[in-house]
């Protein structure tokens, strides 16, 4: 395996990792932003008020996007394993 192939594999792995984590992180970020705005408006500065809704939103986002995430990971794994003979 030459260095360019190794760089391409790492780049593709980072891209897939970012793509797979994005729905969960975006859900947590949007709920966190809404809760932060609500806390700023009401002046309630309790840490647990922000934690529980973010956790619930992230679990729901994971449950909804899990089939897509597994499809992406399976596709990447199949491509990676099928290219093993070409990299030797």
C-alpha atoms as a PDB file:
ATOM      1  CA  UNK A   1       0.000   0.000   0.000  1.00  0.00           C
ATOM      2  CA  UNK A   2       1.444   3.316  -1.003  1.00  0.00           C
ATOM      3  CA  UNK A   3       1.082   6.474   1.104  1.00  0.00           C
ATOM      4  CA  UNK A   4      -1.603   7.950  -1.157  1.00  0.00           C
ATOM      5  CA  UNK A   5      -3.868   4.936  -0.627  1.00  0.00           C
ATOM      6  CA  UNK A   6      -3.389   5.197   3.142  1.00  0.00           C
ATOM      7  CA  UNK A   7      -4.252   8.897   3.049  1.00  0.00           C
ATOM      8  CA  UNK A   8      -7.356   8.193   0.957  1.00  0.00           C
ATOM      9  CA  UNK A   9      -8.486   5.477   3.384  1.00  0.00           C
ATOM     10  CA  UNK A  10      -8.044   7.806   6.364  1.00  0.00           C
ATOM     11  CA  UNK A  11      -9.831  10.650   4.583  1.00  0.00           C
ATOM     12  CA  UNK A  12     -12.756   8.425   3.666  1.00  0.00           C
ATOM     13  CA  UNK A  13     -12.957   7.004   7.213  1.00  0.00           C
ATOM     14  CA  UNK A  14     -13.048  10.521   8.687  1.00  0.00           C
ATOM     15  CA  UNK A  15     -15.717  11.552   6.202  1.00  0.00           C
ATOM     16  CA  UNK A  16     -17.903   8.544   7.067  1.00  0.00           C
ATOM     17  CA  UNK A  17     -17.414   9.154  10.806  1.00  0.00           C
ATOM     18  CA  UNK A  18     -18.460  12.793  10.409  1.00  0.00           C
ATOM     19  CA  UNK A  19     -21.423  11.856   8.238  1.00  0.00           C
ATOM     20  CA  UNK A  20     -22.613   9.195  10.677  1.00  0.00           C
ATOM     21  CA  UNK A  21     -22.280  11.437  13.756  1.00  0.00           C
ATOM     22  CA  UNK A  22     -23.890  14.483  12.151  1.00  0.00           C
ATOM     23  CA  UNK A  23     -27.609  13.740  12.751  1.00  0.00           C
ATOM     24  CA  UNK A  24     -27.082  13.078  16.450  1.00  0.00           C
ATOM     25  CA  UNK A  25     -24.823  16.070  16.975  1.00  0.00           C
ATOM     26  CA  UNK A  26     -27.112  18.414  15.041  1.00  0.00           C
ATOM     27  CA  UNK A  27     -30.115  17.307  17.108  1.00  0.00           C
ATOM     28  CA  UNK A  28     -28.202  17.926  20.335  1.00  0.00           C
ATOM     29  CA  UNK A  29     -26.973  21.285  19.096  1.00  0.00           C
ATOM     30  CA  UNK A  30     -30.425  22.515  18.040  1.00  0.00           C
ATOM     31  CA  UNK A  31     -32.078  21.419  21.279  1.00  0.00           C
ATOM     32  CA  UNK A  32     -29.203  22.880  23.287  1.00  0.00           C
ATOM     33  CA  UNK A  33     -29.565  26.186  21.454  1.00  0.00           C
ATOM     34  CA  UNK A  34     -33.311  26.294  22.071  1.00  0.00           C
ATOM     35  CA  UNK A  35     -32.916  25.394  25.748  1.00  0.00           C
ATOM     36  CA  UNK A  36     -30.104  27.928  26.144  1.00  0.00           C
ATOM     37  CA  UNK A  37     -32.280  30.632  24.636  1.00  0.00           C
ATOM     38  CA  UNK A  38     -35.153  29.639  26.901  1.00  0.00           C
ATOM     39  CA  UNK A  39     -32.859  29.689  29.925  1.00  0.00           C
ATOM     40  CA  UNK A  40     -31.543  33.115  28.979  1.00  0.00           C
ATOM     41  CA  UNK A  41     -35.074  34.460  28.612  1.00  0.00           C
ATOM     42  CA  UNK A  42     -36.321  33.024  31.894  1.00  0.00           C
ATOM     43  CA  UNK A  43     -33.009  33.421  33.796  1.00  0.00           C
ATOM     44  CA  UNK A  44     -33.148  29.810  34.995  1.00  0.00           C
ATOM     45  CA  UNK A  45     -29.522  28.692  35.023  1.00  0.00           C
ATOM     46  CA  UNK A  46     -29.843  25.062  36.052  1.00  0.00           C
ATOM     47  CA  UNK A  47     -27.515  22.592  34.318  1.00  0.00           C
ATOM     48  CA  UNK A  48     -29.893  19.634  34.487  1.00  0.00           C
ATOM     49  CA  UNK A  49     -32.626  21.549  32.661  1.00  0.00           C
ATOM     50  CA  UNK A  50     -30.433  21.589  29.556  1.00  0.00           C
ATOM     51  CA  UNK A  51     -29.008  18.079  29.918  1.00  0.00           C
ATOM     52  CA  UNK A  52     -32.152  15.949  29.927  1.00  0.00           C
ATOM     53  CA  UNK A  53     -33.831  17.413  26.783  1.00  0.00           C
ATOM     54  CA  UNK A  54     -30.556  17.198  24.865  1.00  0.00           C
ATOM     55  CA  UNK A  55     -30.114  13.599  25.913  1.00  0.00           C
ATOM     56  CA  UNK A  56     -33.661  12.707  24.889  1.00  0.00           C
ATOM     57  CA  UNK A  57     -33.307  14.487  21.545  1.00  0.00           C
ATOM     58  CA  UNK A  58     -30.028  12.742  20.794  1.00  0.00           C
ATOM     59  CA  UNK A  59     -31.464   9.319  21.654  1.00  0.00           C
ATOM     60  CA  UNK A  60     -34.482   9.999  19.419  1.00  0.00           C
ATOM     61  CA  UNK A  61     -32.224  11.176  16.589  1.00  0.00           C
ATOM     62  CA  UNK A  62     -30.160   8.018  16.970  1.00  0.00           C
ATOM     63  CA  UNK A  63     -33.268   5.820  16.944  1.00  0.00           C
ATOM     64  CA  UNK A  64     -34.641   7.539  13.838  1.00  0.00           C
ATOM     65  CA  UNK A  65     -31.388   7.624  11.877  1.00  0.00           C
ATOM     66  CA  UNK A  66     -30.025   4.227  12.966  1.00  0.00           C
ATOM     67  CA  UNK A  67     -31.061   2.341   9.776  1.00  0.00           C
ATOM     68  CA  UNK A  68     -29.360   4.985   7.633  1.00  0.00           C
ATOM     69  CA  UNK A  69     -26.260   4.996   9.848  1.00  0.00           C
ATOM     70  CA  UNK A  70     -25.980   1.216   9.691  1.00  0.00           C
ATOM     71  CA  UNK A  71     -26.409   1.324   5.921  1.00  0.00           C
ATOM     72  CA  UNK A  72     -23.593   3.840   5.583  1.00  0.00           C
ATOM     73  CA  UNK A  73     -21.278   1.844   7.839  1.00  0.00           C
ATOM     74  CA  UNK A  74     -22.123  -1.410   6.086  1.00  0.00           C
ATOM     75  CA  UNK A  75     -21.496   0.113   2.667  1.00  0.00           C
ATOM     76  CA  UNK A  76     -18.158   1.535   3.795  1.00  0.00           C
ATOM     77  CA  UNK A  77     -17.134  -1.782   5.363  1.00  0.00           C
ATOM     78  CA  UNK A  78     -18.050  -3.752   2.243  1.00  0.00           C
ATOM     79  CA  UNK A  79     -16.083  -1.349   0.073  1.00  0.00           C
ATOM     80  CA  UNK A  80     -13.098  -1.481   2.413  1.00  0.00           C
ATOM     81  CA  UNK A  81     -13.082  -5.278   2.616  1.00  0.00           C
ATOM     82  CA  UNK A  82     -13.575  -5.744  -1.135  1.00  0.00           C
ATOM     83  CA  UNK A  83     -10.562  -3.521  -1.858  1.00  0.00           C
ATOM     84  CA  UNK A  84      -8.173  -5.535   0.331  1.00  0.00           C
ATOM     85  CA  UNK A  85      -6.845  -7.649  -2.583  1.00  0.00           C
ATOM     86  CA  UNK A  86      -6.178  -4.491  -4.612  1.00  0.00           C
ATOM     87  CA  UNK A  87      -4.088  -2.897  -1.877  1.00  0.00           C
ATOM     88  CA  UNK A  88      -1.616  -5.755  -1.528  1.00  0.00           C
END
